[in-house]
Structure formats: C-alpha cells, structure tokens
N, C-alpha and C. Protein backbone atom coordinates (compact mmCIF):
# COMPACT_ATOMS: atom_id res chain seq x y z
N MET A 1 -264.30 133.74 159.11
CA MET A 1 -264.70 133.60 157.63
C MET A 1 -266.00 132.75 157.40
N ARG A 2 -266.91 133.46 157.13
CA ARG A 2 -268.57 132.42 157.30
C ARG A 2 -268.13 131.36 155.80
N THR A 3 -269.14 130.28 156.30
CA THR A 3 -269.16 129.22 155.56
C THR A 3 -270.52 129.84 154.92
N LYS A 4 -270.30 128.89 153.83
CA LYS A 4 -270.89 129.28 152.58
C LYS A 4 -272.04 128.62 153.32
N THR A 5 -273.88 129.30 152.83
CA THR A 5 -274.81 128.42 152.81
C THR A 5 -275.09 127.28 151.63
N LYS A 6 -275.58 125.98 151.87
CA LYS A 6 -275.31 124.92 151.03
C LYS A 6 -276.12 125.30 150.26
N LYS A 7 -277.35 126.24 150.01
CA LYS A 7 -278.71 125.70 149.51
C LYS A 7 -278.13 127.81 148.57
N ALA A 8 -278.37 127.56 147.87
CA ALA A 8 -278.36 129.80 146.91
C ALA A 8 -279.49 130.44 147.42
N LEU A 9 -280.14 131.33 147.15
CA LEU A 9 -281.37 131.83 147.07
C LEU A 9 -281.57 131.70 145.52
N ARG A 10 -282.40 131.74 145.29
CA ARG A 10 -283.36 132.24 143.87
C ARG A 10 -284.08 133.37 144.18
N LEU A 11 -283.81 134.37 144.01
CA LEU A 11 -284.36 135.44 143.48
C LEU A 11 -284.24 136.12 142.49
N SER A 12 -285.85 136.54 142.33
CA SER A 12 -285.71 137.36 141.38
C SER A 12 -285.17 139.13 141.21
N ALA A 13 -284.51 139.43 140.52
CA ALA A 13 -284.31 140.93 140.64
C ALA A 13 -285.10 141.70 141.09
N HIS A 14 -286.68 142.01 141.21
CA HIS A 14 -287.26 142.55 141.91
C HIS A 14 -287.12 142.28 142.99
N HIS A 15 -287.10 140.96 143.75
CA HIS A 15 -287.16 140.48 145.06
C HIS A 15 -286.03 140.47 145.76
N ALA A 16 -284.67 140.10 144.80
CA ALA A 16 -283.24 140.92 145.35
C ALA A 16 -283.25 142.44 145.87
N SER A 17 -284.08 143.29 145.07
CA SER A 17 -284.14 145.22 145.50
C SER A 17 -284.48 145.21 146.39
N LEU A 18 -285.63 144.73 146.75
CA LEU A 18 -286.74 145.03 147.61
C LEU A 18 -285.99 144.42 148.87
N ALA A 19 -285.31 143.14 149.08
CA ALA A 19 -284.79 142.70 149.88
C ALA A 19 -283.59 143.35 150.86
N LEU A 20 -282.47 143.84 149.72
CA LEU A 20 -281.51 144.75 150.06
C LEU A 20 -282.50 146.33 150.58
N GLN A 21 -283.12 146.64 149.85
CA GLN A 21 -284.34 147.66 150.60
C GLN A 21 -284.48 147.69 151.65
N MET A 22 -285.03 146.44 151.70
CA MET A 22 -285.57 146.63 153.40
C MET A 22 -284.45 146.13 154.19
N LEU A 23 -283.04 145.33 154.20
CA LEU A 23 -281.80 145.54 154.79
C LEU A 23 -281.14 146.70 154.96
N MET A 24 -281.39 147.49 154.01
CA MET A 24 -280.81 149.25 154.20
C MET A 24 -281.51 150.40 155.54
N ASP A 25 -283.23 149.59 155.45
CA ASP A 25 -283.80 150.17 155.54
C ASP A 25 -283.35 149.80 157.14
N ASP A 26 -283.38 148.49 157.85
CA ASP A 26 -283.13 148.00 159.22
C ASP A 26 -281.50 148.43 159.60
N GLY A 27 -280.82 149.31 158.61
CA GLY A 27 -279.58 149.52 158.93
C GLY A 27 -278.71 148.58 159.25
N LYS A 28 -278.85 147.32 158.59
CA LYS A 28 -278.02 145.96 158.56
C LYS A 28 -276.88 145.99 157.70
N ILE A 29 -277.51 146.41 156.64
CA ILE A 29 -276.75 146.72 155.35
C ILE A 29 -275.93 148.75 154.88
N ALA A 30 -274.99 149.49 154.89
CA ALA A 30 -275.49 150.70 154.34
C ALA A 30 -274.89 150.69 153.11
N ALA A 31 -275.39 151.96 152.32
CA ALA A 31 -276.18 151.82 151.03
C ALA A 31 -274.06 152.02 150.65
N LYS A 32 -273.24 152.27 151.11
CA LYS A 32 -272.22 152.62 150.47
C LYS A 32 -271.46 151.09 150.34
N ASP A 33 -271.81 150.27 151.38
CA ASP A 33 -271.42 148.30 151.08
C ASP A 33 -272.25 147.78 149.54
N VAL A 34 -273.21 148.60 149.32
CA VAL A 34 -273.81 148.09 148.25
C VAL A 34 -273.17 148.50 147.05
N THR A 35 -273.52 149.86 147.14
CA THR A 35 -272.72 150.72 146.55
C THR A 35 -270.85 149.80 145.60
N ALA A 36 -270.22 150.10 147.08
CA ALA A 36 -269.16 149.18 146.52
C ALA A 36 -269.01 147.75 146.10
N ALA A 37 -270.05 147.08 146.66
CA ALA A 37 -270.28 145.65 145.92
C ALA A 37 -270.57 145.55 144.76
N LEU A 38 -271.43 146.66 143.87
CA LEU A 38 -271.67 146.13 142.56
C LEU A 38 -270.41 147.19 142.00
N LYS A 39 -269.70 148.02 142.37
CA LYS A 39 -268.62 148.57 141.67
C LYS A 39 -267.23 147.51 141.57
N ARG A 40 -266.73 146.53 142.48
CA ARG A 40 -266.29 145.56 142.85
C ARG A 40 -266.62 144.44 142.16
N ARG A 41 -268.14 143.75 141.63
CA ARG A 41 -268.36 143.32 140.72
C ARG A 41 -268.32 143.63 139.08
N GLU A 42 -268.54 144.69 138.87
CA GLU A 42 -268.00 145.72 137.35
C GLU A 42 -266.65 145.33 137.50
N LYS A 43 -265.67 145.43 137.94
CA LYS A 43 -264.52 145.83 137.99
C LYS A 43 -264.26 144.15 137.65
N THR A 44 -264.35 143.35 138.66
CA THR A 44 -264.19 141.81 138.06
C THR A 44 -264.71 141.00 136.77
N ILE A 45 -266.11 141.83 136.43
CA ILE A 45 -266.39 141.67 134.71
C ILE A 45 -265.44 141.84 134.34
N ARG A 46 -265.05 143.40 134.26
CA ARG A 46 -264.22 143.57 133.12
C ARG A 46 -262.99 143.40 132.98
N GLU A 47 -261.86 142.89 134.57
CA GLU A 47 -261.25 141.48 134.18
C GLU A 47 -260.98 140.64 133.57
N LEU A 48 -262.11 140.13 133.54
CA LEU A 48 -262.35 139.08 133.34
C LEU A 48 -262.43 138.80 131.79
N ARG A 49 -263.17 139.95 131.24
CA ARG A 49 -263.79 139.91 129.48
C ARG A 49 -262.33 140.07 129.33
N ALA A 50 -261.08 141.06 129.82
CA ALA A 50 -260.31 141.23 129.51
C ALA A 50 -259.39 140.04 129.03
N ARG A 51 -259.27 139.63 130.11
CA ARG A 51 -258.86 137.85 130.17
C ARG A 51 -258.95 137.16 128.89
N LEU A 52 -260.40 137.50 129.08
CA LEU A 52 -261.20 136.42 127.92
C LEU A 52 -260.50 136.64 126.49
N SER A 53 -260.58 137.88 126.32
CA SER A 53 -260.46 138.24 125.20
C SER A 53 -259.21 138.48 124.63
N ALA A 54 -257.77 138.35 125.41
CA ALA A 54 -256.33 138.47 125.06
C ALA A 54 -256.32 136.74 125.48
N LEU A 55 -256.97 135.88 125.96
CA LEU A 55 -256.88 134.17 125.97
C LEU A 55 -257.82 134.24 124.41
N GLY A 56 -258.45 134.46 124.16
CA GLY A 56 -258.82 133.94 122.88
C GLY A 56 -257.80 134.49 121.49
N GLU A 57 -257.03 135.72 121.17
CA GLU A 57 -256.34 136.33 120.61
C GLU A 57 -255.07 135.77 120.73
N ASP A 58 -254.42 134.43 121.84
CA ASP A 58 -253.51 134.16 122.05
C ASP A 58 -253.93 132.87 121.06
N VAL A 59 -254.93 132.12 121.46
CA VAL A 59 -255.16 130.99 121.11
C VAL A 59 -255.02 131.02 119.52
N ALA A 60 -256.44 132.18 119.27
CA ALA A 60 -256.30 132.40 117.57
C ALA A 60 -254.62 132.24 116.75
N ALA A 61 -254.29 132.75 117.61
CA ALA A 61 -252.51 133.41 117.12
C ALA A 61 -251.99 131.70 116.63
N THR A 62 -251.69 131.01 118.05
CA THR A 62 -251.28 130.18 117.99
C THR A 62 -251.69 129.09 117.19
N VAL A 63 -253.45 129.13 117.19
CA VAL A 63 -253.49 127.43 115.84
C VAL A 63 -253.51 127.95 114.47
N ALA A 64 -253.46 129.48 114.34
CA ALA A 64 -252.97 130.32 112.68
C ALA A 64 -251.98 129.93 112.73
N LYS A 65 -250.87 129.63 113.47
CA LYS A 65 -250.02 129.63 113.60
C LYS A 65 -249.33 127.84 113.10
N THR A 66 -249.61 127.33 114.17
CA THR A 66 -249.52 125.46 113.89
C THR A 66 -250.54 125.03 112.29
N ALA A 67 -251.17 126.22 111.90
CA ALA A 67 -251.69 125.34 111.07
C ALA A 67 -251.57 125.86 109.82
N ALA A 68 -250.50 126.85 109.66
CA ALA A 68 -249.44 127.30 108.49
C ALA A 68 -248.39 126.62 109.02
N ARG A 69 -248.10 125.70 109.38
CA ARG A 69 -246.89 125.65 109.75
C ARG A 69 -247.20 123.66 108.89
N GLU A 70 -248.33 123.12 109.74
CA GLU A 70 -248.59 122.10 109.58
C GLU A 70 -249.80 121.96 109.04
N GLY A 71 -248.97 121.04 107.60
CA GLY A 71 -250.08 121.37 106.41
C GLY A 71 -250.61 119.11 106.68
N PRO A 72 -251.25 118.23 106.16
CA PRO A 72 -250.98 117.21 105.72
C PRO A 72 -250.22 116.82 105.18
N ARG A 73 -249.33 115.81 105.80
CA ARG A 73 -247.99 115.45 105.38
C ARG A 73 -248.03 114.37 104.68
N ALA A 74 -247.54 114.00 103.48
CA ALA A 74 -247.70 112.62 102.58
C ALA A 74 -246.49 111.69 103.07
N ARG A 75 -247.39 110.43 103.44
CA ARG A 75 -245.67 109.64 104.06
C ARG A 75 -245.12 108.64 102.65
N ARG A 76 -244.28 109.25 103.14
CA ARG A 76 -242.64 109.22 102.18
C ARG A 76 -242.64 107.41 101.98
N ALA A 77 -242.88 106.34 100.90
CA ALA A 77 -242.79 105.30 100.89
C ALA A 77 -241.47 104.62 100.94
N ILE A 78 -241.20 103.88 102.00
CA ILE A 78 -239.88 103.14 102.04
C ILE A 78 -239.52 102.58 101.00
N THR A 79 -238.25 102.37 101.26
CA THR A 79 -237.72 101.63 100.25
C THR A 79 -237.62 99.76 100.16
N ALA A 80 -237.09 99.56 99.07
CA ALA A 80 -237.20 97.90 98.74
C ALA A 80 -235.75 97.25 99.74
N ALA A 81 -234.87 98.30 100.26
CA ALA A 81 -233.88 97.72 101.44
C ALA A 81 -235.10 97.80 102.57
N GLN A 82 -235.56 98.86 103.14
CA GLN A 82 -235.93 98.75 103.89
C GLN A 82 -237.10 97.99 104.07
N ARG A 83 -237.66 97.68 103.67
CA ARG A 83 -238.97 96.42 103.36
C ARG A 83 -238.08 95.37 104.09
N ARG A 84 -237.37 95.09 103.10
CA ARG A 84 -236.51 93.45 103.70
C ARG A 84 -235.94 94.01 104.94
N ALA A 85 -235.38 94.76 105.40
CA ALA A 85 -234.91 94.54 106.49
C ALA A 85 -235.96 94.82 107.44
N ARG A 86 -237.06 95.46 107.04
CA ARG A 86 -238.30 95.15 108.63
C ARG A 86 -238.96 93.54 108.21
N GLN A 87 -238.91 93.41 107.23
CA GLN A 87 -239.66 91.49 107.51
C GLN A 87 -238.58 90.79 107.86
N ALA A 88 -237.58 91.20 107.78
CA ALA A 88 -235.98 90.01 108.01
C ALA A 88 -236.27 90.02 110.27
N GLN A 89 -236.77 91.48 109.99
CA GLN A 89 -236.20 91.61 111.15
C GLN A 89 -237.57 91.19 111.88
N GLY A 90 -238.81 90.72 111.46
CA GLY A 90 -240.31 90.31 112.19
C GLY A 90 -239.95 88.45 112.39
N ARG A 91 -238.78 88.44 110.65
CA ARG A 91 -238.89 86.96 111.10
C ARG A 91 -238.25 86.67 112.07
N TYR A 92 -237.44 87.12 112.41
CA TYR A 92 -236.18 86.94 113.66
C TYR A 92 -236.87 87.09 114.95
N LEU A 93 -237.54 87.87 115.02
CA LEU A 93 -238.26 88.22 116.16
C LEU A 93 -239.21 86.62 116.28
N ALA A 94 -239.88 86.63 115.31
CA ALA A 94 -240.78 85.43 115.60
C ALA A 94 -239.71 84.11 115.47
N SER A 95 -238.74 84.07 115.15
CA SER A 95 -237.91 83.09 115.04
C SER A 95 -237.34 82.82 116.59
N ILE A 96 -237.46 83.87 118.18
CA ILE A 96 -236.24 83.82 118.63
C ILE A 96 -237.40 83.89 119.66
N ARG A 97 -238.93 83.90 119.26
CA ARG A 97 -239.84 83.94 120.52
C ARG A 97 -240.38 82.62 121.65
N LYS A 98 -240.21 81.47 120.82
CA LYS A 98 -240.17 80.00 121.60
C LYS A 98 -239.02 79.88 122.08
N LEU A 99 -237.40 80.35 121.58
CA LEU A 99 -236.52 79.60 122.53
C LEU A 99 -236.15 80.20 123.63
N SER A 100 -235.68 79.34 124.27
CA SER A 100 -235.10 79.89 126.32
C SER A 100 -234.26 80.97 126.01
N ARG A 101 -234.22 81.92 127.40
CA ARG A 101 -232.89 82.82 127.22
C ARG A 101 -231.74 82.04 127.05
N GLN A 102 -231.20 81.23 127.40
CA GLN A 102 -230.48 81.07 127.21
C GLN A 102 -229.77 80.45 125.64
N ALA A 103 -230.67 80.17 124.42
CA ALA A 103 -230.79 80.19 123.10
C ALA A 103 -230.93 81.00 122.46
N ARG A 104 -231.90 82.31 123.18
CA ARG A 104 -232.39 83.39 122.61
C ARG A 104 -230.41 84.84 122.93
N LEU A 105 -229.62 84.52 123.77
CA LEU A 105 -228.46 84.77 123.70
C LEU A 105 -226.88 84.00 122.71
N GLN A 106 -227.82 82.79 122.54
CA GLN A 106 -226.41 82.23 121.74
C GLN A 106 -227.13 82.55 120.15
N VAL A 107 -228.57 83.01 120.03
CA VAL A 107 -229.18 83.85 118.74
C VAL A 107 -228.71 84.62 118.61
N ARG A 108 -228.63 85.69 119.54
CA ARG A 108 -228.52 86.93 119.51
C ARG A 108 -226.49 87.24 119.10
N ALA A 109 -225.44 86.06 119.47
CA ALA A 109 -224.15 86.41 118.71
C ALA A 109 -224.13 85.71 117.50
N ILE A 110 -224.87 84.77 117.18
CA ILE A 110 -224.61 84.26 116.01
C ILE A 110 -225.30 85.53 115.07
N ARG A 111 -226.41 86.49 115.18
CA ARG A 111 -226.49 87.72 114.52
C ARG A 111 -225.60 88.70 114.14
N LEU A 112 -225.24 88.63 114.57
CA LEU A 112 -223.87 89.87 115.66
C LEU A 112 -222.83 89.33 114.47
N LYS A 113 -222.04 87.84 114.65
CA LYS A 113 -221.36 87.43 114.06
C LYS A 113 -221.57 87.34 112.62
N SER A 114 -222.48 86.95 112.25
CA SER A 114 -223.36 86.07 110.72
C SER A 114 -224.59 86.82 110.12
N GLY A 115 -224.68 87.63 111.18
CA GLY A 115 -225.88 88.38 110.19
C GLY A 115 -227.39 87.56 110.90
N VAL A 116 -228.39 88.62 110.00
CA VAL A 116 -229.96 88.32 110.49
C VAL A 116 -230.10 86.77 110.01
N ASP A 117 -230.24 86.82 108.94
CA ASP A 117 -230.29 85.94 108.32
C ASP A 117 -230.22 84.40 108.74
N ALA A 118 -228.88 83.91 109.32
CA ALA A 118 -227.77 83.32 109.62
C ALA A 118 -228.68 82.79 111.23
N ALA A 119 -228.97 83.72 111.83
CA ALA A 119 -229.89 84.08 112.77
C ALA A 119 -231.07 83.06 112.86
N ILE A 120 -231.59 83.36 111.69
CA ILE A 120 -232.91 83.20 111.83
C ILE A 120 -232.82 81.20 111.66
N ARG A 121 -232.10 81.24 110.82
CA ARG A 121 -231.40 79.79 110.33
C ARG A 121 -230.82 78.76 111.77
N ALA A 122 -230.04 79.60 112.79
CA ALA A 122 -230.36 78.68 113.68
C ALA A 122 -231.07 78.63 114.63
N ALA A 123 -231.67 79.45 115.00
CA ALA A 123 -233.16 79.72 115.93
C ALA A 123 -233.89 78.73 115.66
N VAL A 124 -234.43 78.58 114.13
CA VAL A 124 -235.44 77.52 113.86
C VAL A 124 -234.84 76.28 114.03
N ARG A 125 -233.62 76.22 113.73
CA ARG A 125 -232.74 74.71 114.17
C ARG A 125 -233.07 74.21 115.67
N MET A 126 -232.41 75.12 116.62
CA MET A 126 -232.90 74.94 118.35
C MET A 126 -234.14 74.89 118.45
N ALA A 127 -235.10 75.35 117.85
CA ALA A 127 -236.56 75.39 118.15
C ALA A 127 -237.32 73.96 118.21
N LYS A 128 -236.40 73.27 117.13
CA LYS A 128 -236.74 71.85 116.43
C LYS A 128 -236.52 70.68 117.99
C-alpha cells in the first residue's frame, strides 16, 4: 500500500480535469477507474448523509425526551431537625479535627454511647 504524501495538491477543478485527461491520454489511468472512483465517492457521500441525518434525529429525540422529563427542579427546604443535625455534625468534625487518633477513637465511642453533644463536650475537654 502506498504511503500518503505529506503535502496535498491544491488544484482547481479545471486543472484537476486537465491532469486526469492527460493521465488517461498517456494510458496511466483507465476511464473506468475514474468512473468507479467517482461512483464510490458518491456512494460514500450518500451513506454519510444518511448516517448524519439518522444521528441528528436520534439526538433530537433524546434531547426532546430529556427536556420533557427534567425541568428545573425546586430545592426542597430542609427541616429544622435536619439543620440541627447538620450543624451538630459540623461541630463534631471541627472538635475532633485537632485530636490524636487515639483520642478520636475515644470520642467516637462516646458518640455511639451518649450522642453527638456528649462527644463534642468530651472532644473539647481532650483538646485542652
């Protein structure tokens, strides 16, 4: 198989036609080869257009489905209990951040046994 040339020829349609005519006159290219190449080119173009149109229809259908399914969703407000729990979790994480691994394990045990508030108080005492 021939390797492709690094530089592409830049020919006008007129010059390309003249070059093809000269090659056919010299017997280097047969007219049927040129005709077959043009037919292959047209077939490839038709196939690509068909694939592109099918792809466009698929994409349009998918976008339409997605847009219909998902509109802008409102955020639900969190309850007061959720807010308190999140704030307590934040205070807990902040209080154990500066503790050693051993102290963290002790605070975790206190949290499981007595709750988050007791664990925070114990972590603050251990940090001092």
